């Protein structure tokens, strides 16, 4: 759909699944928890059921949702004169998906209008995050009384991204503009090498790396494996350069770090959790989602 204030469409493959976390000191008895959970679930299901009952077409409602996100963007006071905005594709496929949705992401590309040519020149990318609470779904669109939002720029995101990497890596990044790399070698070359070197052990066998003559900055590109952060440079993983091994965790183990007064970072099972203290909400992002938003926001030059 072409919106009057939107120039085109640009999608970001980014989606969050979330869960609500409550402090132990505030946990009621089981019957109270079950009753409260039933009320929340009933409210969400009722909202979705209302859409279906009203005969609202799913595609039309998504178009309405994009307009509501545009309204949030305009309300922010940060809106450009020309921009593109769209909900990510291929994630919400029916009204049923909305029942489990607590965060939606919208990709925004802002443009300048050339003063003489009148053409649009793409300037910067941003991401709008829409945090939704029970009661936000209506047949007419979004009830903003139950919505919080946040706009991410690369500068804001890169600080969070760096903190995330330093949470999960055994070799923290000291300088985001010059990140060391390591190349895979045979055991003998590793043994003879006198400089900085790393052993990557997966529980069965070891892979040996020595300092590579080159660095990478925080823009990447990066590739995550179960055991390490890599820079892909070829078809095969053996050709990739190592950035750092990852901290080894079992399914029930977590590592955490305070990011600032409003957010805490939590890592478990290959997912980053961001606990928003003021919302009392834990948002989980997969590594693919993290890299999608990072690649969308990072500068191209």
Protein backbone atom coordinates (compact mmCIF):
# COMPACT_ATOMS: atom_id res chain seq x y z
CA UNK A 1 0.00 0.00 0.00
CA UNK A 2 1.31 3.45 -0.83
CA UNK A 3 0.72 5.90 2.00
CA UNK A 4 0.43 9.66 1.28
CA UNK A 5 3.43 10.37 3.54
CA UNK A 6 5.38 7.28 2.61
CA UNK A 7 7.56 7.16 -0.48
CA UNK A 8 7.95 3.39 -0.83
CA UNK A 9 8.43 0.19 1.04
CA UNK A 10 11.49 -1.19 2.79
CA UNK A 11 11.28 -4.29 4.93
CA UNK A 12 13.39 -5.45 7.82
CA UNK A 13 13.39 -9.16 8.68
CA UNK A 14 13.07 -8.57 12.32
CA UNK A 15 10.67 -9.90 14.90
CA UNK A 16 10.68 -10.36 18.63
CA UNK A 17 9.03 -12.91 20.85
CA UNK A 18 8.60 -11.76 24.43
CA UNK A 19 7.69 -12.88 27.84
CA UNK A 20 6.64 -11.00 30.95
CA UNK A 21 8.85 -11.23 34.01
CA UNK A 22 7.69 -10.40 37.53
CA UNK A 23 9.94 -9.91 40.54
CA UNK A 24 9.82 -12.73 43.10
CA UNK A 25 8.76 -10.35 45.84
CA UNK A 26 5.57 -9.64 43.89
CA UNK A 27 4.62 -13.21 42.98
CA UNK A 28 1.11 -14.10 44.31
CA UNK A 29 -0.21 -17.59 44.94
CA UNK A 30 -0.88 -20.00 42.08
CA UNK A 31 -4.62 -19.41 41.96
CA UNK A 32 -4.08 -15.66 41.64
CA UNK A 33 -1.48 -16.15 38.92
CA UNK A 34 -3.75 -18.48 36.98
CA UNK A 35 -6.68 -16.08 37.27
CA UNK A 36 -4.61 -13.10 36.14
CA UNK A 37 -3.18 -15.07 33.26
CA UNK A 38 -6.66 -16.11 32.19
CA UNK A 39 -7.82 -12.48 32.17
CA UNK A 40 -4.88 -11.39 30.00
CA UNK A 41 -5.26 -14.32 27.62
CA UNK A 42 -9.02 -13.75 27.40
CA UNK A 43 -8.50 -10.07 26.60
CA UNK A 44 -6.04 -10.79 23.79
CA UNK A 45 -8.14 -13.60 22.32
CA UNK A 46 -11.25 -11.42 22.53
CA UNK A 47 -9.50 -8.64 20.64
CA UNK A 48 -8.48 -11.01 17.86
CA UNK A 49 -11.92 -12.64 17.83
CA UNK A 50 -13.47 -9.20 17.48
CA UNK A 51 -11.44 -8.57 14.35
CA UNK A 52 -12.52 -11.87 12.83
CA UNK A 53 -16.16 -11.40 13.82
CA UNK A 54 -16.18 -7.93 12.30
CA UNK A 55 -15.12 -9.44 9.01
CA UNK A 56 -11.97 -7.36 8.77
CA UNK A 57 -9.64 -8.61 6.04
CA UNK A 58 -6.21 -9.45 7.44
CA UNK A 59 -4.29 -7.58 4.72
CA UNK A 60 -6.43 -4.49 5.22
CA UNK A 61 -5.85 -4.59 8.98
CA UNK A 62 -2.08 -4.84 8.44
CA UNK A 63 -2.30 -1.75 6.24
CA UNK A 64 -4.14 -0.02 9.07
CA UNK A 65 -1.44 -1.19 11.49
CA UNK A 66 1.25 0.36 9.29
CA UNK A 67 -0.65 3.64 9.32
CA UNK A 68 -0.84 3.46 13.11
CA UNK A 69 2.92 2.89 13.26
CA UNK A 70 3.34 5.89 10.97
CA UNK A 71 1.28 7.93 13.41
CA UNK A 72 3.59 6.86 16.25
CA UNK A 73 6.57 7.91 14.17
CA UNK A 74 5.01 11.31 13.46
CA UNK A 75 4.17 11.76 17.14
CA UNK A 76 7.80 11.16 18.08
CA UNK A 77 8.88 14.55 16.77
CA UNK A 78 11.69 12.84 14.82
CA UNK A 79 9.87 12.34 11.52
CA UNK A 80 11.59 13.31 8.29
CA UNK A 81 9.79 15.12 5.47
CA UNK A 82 10.05 12.03 3.29
CA UNK A 83 10.35 8.45 4.52
CA UNK A 84 9.46 4.82 3.96
CA UNK A 85 7.84 2.63 6.64
CA UNK A 86 6.62 -0.95 6.63
CA UNK A 87 5.99 -3.83 8.99
CA UNK A 88 8.40 -6.67 8.41
CA UNK A 89 7.13 -9.25 5.90
CA UNK A 90 6.48 -12.97 6.24
CA UNK A 91 6.14 -13.04 10.03
CA UNK A 92 2.52 -12.24 10.82
CA UNK A 93 0.48 -14.39 8.48
CA UNK A 94 -2.92 -14.35 10.20
CA UNK A 95 -4.86 -12.83 13.07
CA UNK A 96 -3.90 -15.85 15.20
CA UNK A 97 -0.29 -14.65 15.28
CA UNK A 98 -1.38 -11.44 16.98
CA UNK A 99 -2.43 -13.34 20.11
CA UNK A 100 1.24 -13.99 20.97
CA UNK A 101 2.60 -10.64 19.84
CA UNK A 102 4.02 -8.14 22.32
CA UNK A 103 6.59 -6.33 20.15
CA UNK A 104 6.40 -5.32 16.49
CA UNK A 105 9.24 -3.83 14.45
CA UNK A 106 8.96 -1.41 11.54
CA UNK A 107 11.78 -0.44 9.19
CA UNK A 108 12.07 3.25 8.36
CA UNK A 109 14.21 4.83 5.66
CA UNK A 110 14.35 8.62 5.78
CA UNK A 111 15.05 10.68 2.66
CA UNK A 112 15.92 14.23 1.69
CA UNK A 113 14.32 16.05 -1.23
CA UNK A 114 16.89 17.39 -3.69
CA UNK A 115 16.34 21.18 -3.88
CA UNK A 116 16.74 21.43 -7.67
CA UNK A 117 16.05 17.97 -9.07
CA UNK A 118 13.08 17.26 -6.80
CA UNK A 119 14.21 13.65 -6.39
CA UNK A 120 14.44 11.74 -3.15
CA UNK A 121 17.85 10.92 -1.72
CA UNK A 122 17.98 8.23 0.93
CA UNK A 123 19.65 9.59 4.02
CA UNK A 124 19.39 7.24 7.02
CA UNK A 125 17.67 4.13 8.37
CA UNK A 126 15.80 3.83 11.65
CA UNK A 127 13.75 1.13 13.35
CA UNK A 128 10.50 1.75 15.20
CA UNK A 129 9.75 -0.75 17.97
CA UNK A 130 6.13 -0.97 19.07
CA UNK A 131 5.63 -2.56 22.50
CA UNK A 132 2.03 -3.68 22.81
CA UNK A 133 0.01 -4.66 25.86
CA UNK A 134 -3.29 -6.44 26.38
CA UNK A 135 -6.07 -4.36 24.89
CA UNK A 136 -4.06 -2.87 22.03
CA UNK A 137 -5.93 -4.76 19.30
CA UNK A 138 -9.16 -3.28 17.99
CA UNK A 139 -11.11 -3.71 14.78
CA UNK A 140 -10.32 -0.06 13.99
CA UNK A 141 -6.56 -0.31 14.44
CA UNK A 142 -4.30 0.27 17.45
CA UNK A 143 -5.41 1.59 20.84
CA UNK A 144 -2.45 3.79 21.68
CA UNK A 145 -3.31 3.72 25.39
CA UNK A 146 -1.82 0.22 25.44
CA UNK A 147 1.28 0.91 23.32
CA UNK A 148 4.82 2.06 24.08
CA UNK A 149 7.30 2.78 21.33
CA UNK A 150 10.99 3.43 20.75
CA UNK A 151 12.96 4.63 17.74
CA UNK A 152 16.42 3.16 17.18
CA UNK A 153 19.20 4.90 15.28
CA UNK A 154 22.52 3.25 14.50
CA UNK A 155 24.29 5.25 17.20
CA UNK A 156 21.83 4.07 19.83
CA UNK A 157 21.73 0.52 18.52
CA UNK A 158 25.51 0.14 18.14
CA UNK A 159 26.06 0.74 21.87
CA UNK A 160 23.54 -1.97 22.72
CA UNK A 161 24.98 -4.28 20.06
CA UNK A 162 28.51 -3.86 21.43
CA UNK A 163 27.30 -4.57 24.97
CA UNK A 164 25.54 -7.70 23.68
CA UNK A 165 28.70 -8.99 21.97
CA UNK A 166 30.83 -8.31 25.04
CA UNK A 167 28.31 -10.24 27.13
CA UNK A 168 28.61 -13.41 25.05
CA UNK A 169 32.27 -13.35 23.90
CA UNK A 170 35.26 -14.66 25.89
CA UNK A 171 37.48 -11.99 24.29
CA UNK A 172 35.65 -8.67 24.85
CA UNK A 173 35.89 -6.06 22.11
CA UNK A 174 38.11 -3.21 23.31
CA UNK A 175 37.94 -0.97 20.24
CA UNK A 176 34.82 -1.29 18.03
CA UNK A 177 36.69 0.42 15.20
CA UNK A 178 39.52 -2.14 15.18
CA UNK A 179 38.44 -5.65 16.20
CA UNK A 180 41.20 -8.31 15.97
CA UNK A 181 40.70 -11.38 13.77
CA UNK A 182 42.23 -14.85 13.90
CA UNK A 183 42.85 -17.34 11.08
CA UNK A 184 42.61 -21.13 11.37
CA UNK A 185 45.91 -23.05 11.21
CA UNK A 186 47.32 -26.50 11.86
CA UNK A 187 48.51 -27.47 15.33
CA UNK A 188 52.21 -27.17 14.45
CA UNK A 189 51.83 -23.64 13.07
CA UNK A 190 49.80 -22.73 16.14
CA UNK A 191 52.47 -24.15 18.45
CA UNK A 192 55.30 -22.32 16.65
CA UNK A 193 53.44 -18.99 16.54
CA UNK A 194 54.60 -16.60 19.26
CA UNK A 195 51.89 -13.95 18.96
CA UNK A 196 48.26 -13.76 20.02
CA UNK A 197 46.43 -17.05 19.42
CA UNK A 198 43.19 -18.79 20.37
CA UNK A 199 41.98 -22.37 20.80
CA UNK A 200 38.35 -23.06 19.97
CA UNK A 201 37.16 -26.21 21.76
CA UNK A 202 33.69 -27.63 21.14
CA UNK A 203 33.81 -30.47 23.67
CA UNK A 204 35.17 -33.03 21.21
CA UNK A 205 38.08 -31.51 19.33
CA UNK A 206 40.07 -28.30 19.19
CA UNK A 207 40.50 -25.80 16.34
CA UNK A 208 43.57 -23.56 16.36
CA UNK A 209 43.75 -19.90 15.39
CA UNK A 210 46.53 -17.33 15.22
CA UNK A 211 46.38 -13.54 14.91
CA UNK A 212 45.39 -12.44 11.40
CA UNK A 213 46.98 -9.44 9.67
CA UNK A 214 43.85 -7.35 9.55
CA UNK A 215 40.89 -6.16 11.61
CA UNK A 216 37.16 -5.54 11.30
CA UNK A 217 34.93 -2.82 12.74
CA UNK A 218 31.59 -3.14 14.47
CA UNK A 219 29.68 -2.95 11.18
CA UNK A 220 30.79 -6.51 10.39
CA UNK A 221 29.66 -8.59 8.64
CA UNK A 222 29.50 -11.25 11.34
CA UNK A 223 28.30 -14.83 11.38
CA UNK A 224 27.23 -16.58 14.57
CA UNK A 225 27.90 -20.26 15.21
CA UNK A 226 27.03 -22.18 18.36
CA UNK A 227 30.54 -21.76 19.70
CA UNK A 228 31.95 -18.53 18.20
CA UNK A 229 31.49 -15.22 16.41
CA UNK A 230 33.07 -15.34 12.96
CA UNK A 231 33.73 -13.15 9.95
CA UNK A 232 32.68 -15.11 6.84
CA UNK A 233 35.12 -14.71 3.95
CA UNK A 234 34.48 -17.86 1.91
CA UNK A 235 32.01 -20.63 1.22
CA UNK A 236 33.30 -23.00 3.88
CA UNK A 237 33.41 -22.37 7.61
CA UNK A 238 37.06 -23.45 7.68
CA UNK A 239 37.86 -20.32 5.68
CA UNK A 240 36.12 -17.97 8.09
CA UNK A 241 38.07 -15.71 10.40
CA UNK A 242 37.48 -15.94 14.14
CA UNK A 243 36.44 -12.89 16.14
CA UNK A 244 36.09 -14.64 19.49
CA UNK A 245 34.81 -17.84 21.10
CA UNK A 246 31.48 -17.55 22.90
CA UNK A 247 30.78 -18.26 26.55
CA UNK A 248 29.63 -21.87 26.94
CA UNK A 249 26.20 -22.23 28.55
CA UNK A 250 23.83 -25.11 29.17
CA UNK A 251 20.11 -24.76 28.47
CA UNK A 252 19.43 -23.70 32.06
CA UNK A 253 22.33 -21.28 32.47
CA UNK A 254 22.13 -17.51 32.00
CA UNK A 255 24.55 -14.61 31.96
CA UNK A 256 23.37 -11.09 32.73
CA UNK A 257 24.68 -7.55 32.78
CA UNK A 258 23.13 -4.19 33.59
CA UNK A 259 23.14 -2.07 30.44
CA UNK A 260 21.78 1.14 31.94
CA UNK A 261 19.17 2.31 34.44
CA UNK A 262 16.36 1.14 32.16
CA UNK A 263 17.64 -2.10 30.61
CA UNK A 264 19.32 -5.34 31.65
CA UNK A 265 20.85 -7.79 29.16
CA UNK A 266 20.27 -11.52 29.57
CA UNK A 267 21.72 -14.28 27.37
CA UNK A 268 20.55 -17.90 27.21
CA UNK A 269 20.21 -20.60 24.54
CA UNK A 270 21.51 -18.41 21.75
CA UNK A 271 19.05 -15.59 22.40
CA UNK A 272 19.54 -12.12 23.77
CA UNK A 273 17.02 -10.97 26.33
CA UNK A 274 16.53 -7.29 27.04
CA UNK A 275 14.67 -6.66 30.26
CA UNK A 276 12.93 -3.27 30.15
CA UNK A 277 12.62 -2.27 33.79
CA UNK A 278 9.98 0.42 33.35
CA UNK A 279 7.77 -1.95 31.32
CA UNK A 280 8.56 -4.98 33.51
CA UNK A 281 9.01 -6.85 30.23
CA UNK A 282 11.62 -9.27 28.93
CA UNK A 283 12.06 -9.13 25.15
CA UNK A 284 13.94 -11.98 23.47
CA UNK A 285 15.72 -11.60 20.15
CA UNK A 286 17.31 -14.40 18.16
CA UNK A 287 20.79 -13.95 16.75
CA UNK A 288 19.25 -13.73 13.26
CA UNK A 289 16.96 -10.91 14.38
CA UNK A 290 19.87 -9.09 15.99
CA UNK A 291 21.98 -9.30 12.84
CA UNK A 292 19.01 -8.25 10.68
CA UNK A 293 18.49 -5.04 12.59
CA UNK A 294 22.24 -4.44 12.77
CA UNK A 295 22.68 -4.84 9.02
CA UNK A 296 19.70 -2.59 8.34
CA UNK A 297 20.90 0.24 10.58
CA UNK A 298 24.64 0.20 9.97
CA UNK A 299 26.11 2.90 7.70
CA UNK A 300 26.86 1.80 4.14
CA UNK A 301 30.12 3.75 3.73
